[in-house]
Amino acid sequence: MKNRIYTSFEEVDKDLKVLNLRRQIAQEEIKGDLADIKRRFEPPELLSFIRDGILKKLLLSWLVGFILRKIRKQ
């Protein structure tokens, strides 16, 4: 919020309520982000990351090597 001059306590109270609500929203967003981060580091999620990432790369490199060996033998 920008600096402003207040003419009544009601204006101050209104802005304080708005700021408090924004703070609460930010806290809830952080809680959601933290829960998402925790979920990503749980064993099933890590295993699926390893399986999907590393195993696919290994399988692809093995397949390319296999094809290249077959081509070289011919």
N, C-alpha and C. Protein backbone atom coordinates (compact mmCIF):
# COMPACT_ATOMS: atom_id res chain seq x y z
N MET A 1 0.84 -1.18 0.00
CA MET A 1 0.00 0.00 0.00
C MET A 1 0.89 1.24 0.00
N LYS A 2 0.39 2.26 -0.62
CA LYS A 2 1.14 3.51 -0.68
C LYS A 2 0.92 4.32 0.59
N ASN A 3 1.82 5.24 0.83
CA ASN A 3 1.67 6.12 1.99
C ASN A 3 0.45 7.01 1.77
N ARG A 4 -0.31 7.13 2.81
CA ARG A 4 -1.48 7.99 2.70
C ARG A 4 -1.77 8.67 4.02
N ILE A 5 -2.52 9.67 3.94
CA ILE A 5 -2.91 10.42 5.14
C ILE A 5 -4.34 10.00 5.48
N TYR A 6 -4.50 9.56 6.72
CA TYR A 6 -5.81 9.10 7.17
C TYR A 6 -6.56 10.24 7.83
N THR A 7 -7.85 10.25 7.60
CA THR A 7 -8.68 11.29 8.21
C THR A 7 -9.55 10.76 9.34
N SER A 8 -9.59 9.41 9.47
CA SER A 8 -10.40 8.84 10.55
C SER A 8 -9.81 7.48 10.96
N PHE A 9 -10.19 7.08 12.15
CA PHE A 9 -9.75 5.77 12.63
C PHE A 9 -10.40 4.63 11.85
N GLU A 10 -11.56 4.88 11.28
CA GLU A 10 -12.23 3.85 10.47
C GLU A 10 -11.39 3.51 9.24
N GLU A 11 -10.77 4.51 8.63
CA GLU A 11 -9.91 4.25 7.47
C GLU A 11 -8.69 3.43 7.88
N VAL A 12 -8.13 3.75 9.02
CA VAL A 12 -6.98 3.00 9.52
C VAL A 12 -7.38 1.56 9.79
N ASP A 13 -8.51 1.38 10.47
CA ASP A 13 -9.00 0.03 10.76
C ASP A 13 -9.27 -0.76 9.49
N LYS A 14 -9.84 -0.11 8.50
CA LYS A 14 -10.12 -0.79 7.23
C LYS A 14 -8.83 -1.26 6.58
N ASP A 15 -7.82 -0.38 6.51
CA ASP A 15 -6.55 -0.78 5.90
C ASP A 15 -5.86 -1.87 6.71
N LEU A 16 -5.95 -1.80 8.02
CA LEU A 16 -5.35 -2.85 8.86
C LEU A 16 -6.03 -4.20 8.62
N LYS A 17 -7.34 -4.19 8.45
CA LYS A 17 -8.05 -5.43 8.15
C LYS A 17 -7.63 -6.00 6.80
N VAL A 18 -7.49 -5.11 5.82
CA VAL A 18 -7.06 -5.56 4.48
C VAL A 18 -5.66 -6.16 4.56
N LEU A 19 -4.76 -5.49 5.26
CA LEU A 19 -3.39 -6.00 5.41
C LEU A 19 -3.37 -7.33 6.15
N ASN A 20 -4.20 -7.47 7.16
CA ASN A 20 -4.27 -8.72 7.91
C ASN A 20 -4.77 -9.85 7.03
N LEU A 21 -5.78 -9.58 6.21
CA LEU A 21 -6.29 -10.60 5.30
C LEU A 21 -5.23 -10.99 4.27
N ARG A 22 -4.49 -10.02 3.75
CA ARG A 22 -3.43 -10.34 2.80
C ARG A 22 -2.36 -11.20 3.44
N ARG A 23 -2.03 -10.89 4.71
CA ARG A 23 -1.03 -11.68 5.43
C ARG A 23 -1.53 -13.12 5.61
N GLN A 24 -2.80 -13.28 5.97
CA GLN A 24 -3.36 -14.62 6.16
C GLN A 24 -3.36 -15.40 4.85
N ILE A 25 -3.68 -14.73 3.76
CA ILE A 25 -3.67 -15.40 2.45
C ILE A 25 -2.26 -15.85 2.11
N ALA A 26 -1.28 -14.99 2.35
CA ALA A 26 0.12 -15.35 2.07
C ALA A 26 0.56 -16.53 2.93
N GLN A 27 0.13 -16.56 4.19
CA GLN A 27 0.48 -17.69 5.06
C GLN A 27 -0.12 -18.99 4.53
N GLU A 28 -1.36 -18.95 4.08
CA GLU A 28 -1.99 -20.16 3.55
C GLU A 28 -1.30 -20.62 2.27
N GLU A 29 -0.89 -19.68 1.44
CA GLU A 29 -0.17 -20.05 0.22
C GLU A 29 1.16 -20.72 0.56
N ILE A 30 1.85 -20.21 1.57
CA ILE A 30 3.11 -20.82 2.00
C ILE A 30 2.86 -22.22 2.55
N LYS A 31 1.80 -22.40 3.32
CA LYS A 31 1.47 -23.73 3.84
C LYS A 31 1.22 -24.71 2.69
N GLY A 32 0.49 -24.26 1.67
CA GLY A 32 0.23 -25.12 0.52
C GLY A 32 1.50 -25.47 -0.22
N ASP A 33 2.38 -24.49 -0.41
CA ASP A 33 3.65 -24.74 -1.08
C ASP A 33 4.51 -25.71 -0.28
N LEU A 34 4.53 -25.54 1.03
CA LEU A 34 5.31 -26.42 1.89
C LEU A 34 4.79 -27.86 1.83
N ALA A 35 3.47 -28.01 1.84
CA ALA A 35 2.88 -29.34 1.74
C ALA A 35 3.23 -29.98 0.40
N ASP A 36 3.24 -29.19 -0.67
CA ASP A 36 3.60 -29.71 -1.98
C ASP A 36 5.06 -30.14 -2.01
N ILE A 37 5.93 -29.36 -1.42
CA ILE A 37 7.35 -29.72 -1.36
C ILE A 37 7.55 -31.00 -0.56
N LYS A 38 6.88 -31.11 0.59
CA LYS A 38 6.99 -32.33 1.40
C LYS A 38 6.51 -33.55 0.62
N ARG A 39 5.41 -33.38 -0.12
CA ARG A 39 4.86 -34.50 -0.88
C ARG A 39 5.85 -34.96 -1.95
N ARG A 40 6.55 -34.02 -2.56
CA ARG A 40 7.49 -34.37 -3.62
C ARG A 40 8.70 -35.14 -3.10
N PHE A 41 8.98 -35.04 -1.81
CA PHE A 41 10.13 -35.74 -1.24
C PHE A 41 9.74 -37.01 -0.49
N GLU A 42 8.50 -37.43 -0.60
CA GLU A 42 8.09 -38.69 0.00
C GLU A 42 8.62 -39.84 -0.86
N PRO A 43 8.89 -41.00 -0.25
CA PRO A 43 9.49 -42.12 -0.99
C PRO A 43 8.76 -42.51 -2.27
N PRO A 44 7.44 -42.64 -2.28
CA PRO A 44 6.80 -43.03 -3.55
C PRO A 44 7.05 -42.01 -4.67
N GLU A 45 7.02 -40.75 -4.32
CA GLU A 45 7.24 -39.71 -5.33
C GLU A 45 8.68 -39.74 -5.83
N LEU A 46 9.63 -39.93 -4.92
CA LEU A 46 11.03 -40.01 -5.33
C LEU A 46 11.27 -41.23 -6.20
N LEU A 47 10.66 -42.35 -5.83
CA LEU A 47 10.84 -43.56 -6.63
C LEU A 47 10.26 -43.38 -8.03
N SER A 48 9.12 -42.73 -8.12
CA SER A 48 8.54 -42.54 -9.44
C SER A 48 9.40 -41.57 -10.26
N PHE A 49 10.01 -40.58 -9.60
CA PHE A 49 10.91 -39.67 -10.31
C PHE A 49 12.12 -40.42 -10.83
N ILE A 50 12.69 -41.26 -9.97
CA ILE A 50 13.85 -42.05 -10.39
C ILE A 50 13.46 -43.01 -11.51
N ARG A 51 12.34 -43.68 -11.33
CA ARG A 51 11.87 -44.64 -12.33
C ARG A 51 11.62 -43.95 -13.66
N ASP A 52 10.89 -42.86 -13.60
CA ASP A 52 10.51 -42.19 -14.85
C ASP A 52 11.69 -41.46 -15.48
N GLY A 53 12.56 -40.91 -14.68
CA GLY A 53 13.66 -40.13 -15.23
C GLY A 53 14.87 -40.96 -15.57
N ILE A 54 15.46 -41.59 -14.57
CA ILE A 54 16.73 -42.29 -14.75
C ILE A 54 16.54 -43.57 -15.56
N LEU A 55 15.52 -44.34 -15.25
CA LEU A 55 15.33 -45.59 -15.97
C LEU A 55 15.03 -45.36 -17.45
N LYS A 56 14.28 -44.32 -17.75
CA LYS A 56 14.01 -44.03 -19.15
C LYS A 56 15.30 -43.68 -19.88
N LYS A 57 16.16 -42.89 -19.23
CA LYS A 57 17.43 -42.53 -19.86
C LYS A 57 18.31 -43.76 -20.04
N LEU A 58 18.37 -44.62 -19.02
CA LEU A 58 19.17 -45.83 -19.13
C LEU A 58 18.64 -46.73 -20.24
N LEU A 59 17.34 -46.90 -20.29
CA LEU A 59 16.74 -47.75 -21.32
C LEU A 59 17.00 -47.17 -22.71
N LEU A 60 16.86 -45.87 -22.85
CA LEU A 60 17.09 -45.24 -24.14
C LEU A 60 18.55 -45.38 -24.56
N SER A 61 19.49 -45.16 -23.63
CA SER A 61 20.90 -45.29 -23.99
C SER A 61 21.25 -46.74 -24.31
N TRP A 62 20.66 -47.70 -23.58
CA TRP A 62 20.91 -49.11 -23.88
C TRP A 62 20.36 -49.46 -25.27
N LEU A 63 19.17 -48.96 -25.59
CA LEU A 63 18.55 -49.24 -26.87
C LEU A 63 19.37 -48.65 -28.01
N VAL A 64 19.85 -47.43 -27.85
CA VAL A 64 20.67 -46.81 -28.89
C VAL A 64 21.96 -47.60 -29.06
N GLY A 65 22.59 -48.00 -27.95
CA GLY A 65 23.80 -48.80 -28.03
C GLY A 65 23.56 -50.14 -28.70
N PHE A 66 22.45 -50.76 -28.38
CA PHE A 66 22.10 -52.05 -28.98
C PHE A 66 21.94 -51.91 -30.50
N ILE A 67 21.22 -50.88 -30.91
CA ILE A 67 21.01 -50.65 -32.35
C ILE A 67 22.34 -50.36 -33.04
N LEU A 68 23.18 -49.54 -32.43
CA LEU A 68 24.48 -49.23 -33.04
C LEU A 68 25.35 -50.47 -33.15
N ARG A 69 25.33 -51.35 -32.16
CA ARG A 69 26.11 -52.59 -32.23
C ARG A 69 25.60 -53.48 -33.35
N LYS A 70 24.29 -53.55 -33.53
CA LYS A 70 23.72 -54.35 -34.61
C LYS A 70 24.11 -53.78 -35.98
N ILE A 71 24.10 -52.48 -36.10
CA ILE A 71 24.46 -51.85 -37.37
C ILE A 71 25.93 -52.07 -37.67
N ARG A 72 26.80 -51.99 -36.69
CA ARG A 72 28.24 -52.18 -36.90
C ARG A 72 28.59 -53.61 -37.29
N LYS A 73 27.83 -54.60 -36.79
CA LYS A 73 28.11 -56.00 -37.11
C LYS A 73 27.76 -56.31 -38.56
N GLN A 74 26.88 -55.56 -39.15
CA GLN A 74 26.46 -55.85 -40.53
C GLN A 74 27.41 -55.38 -41.52
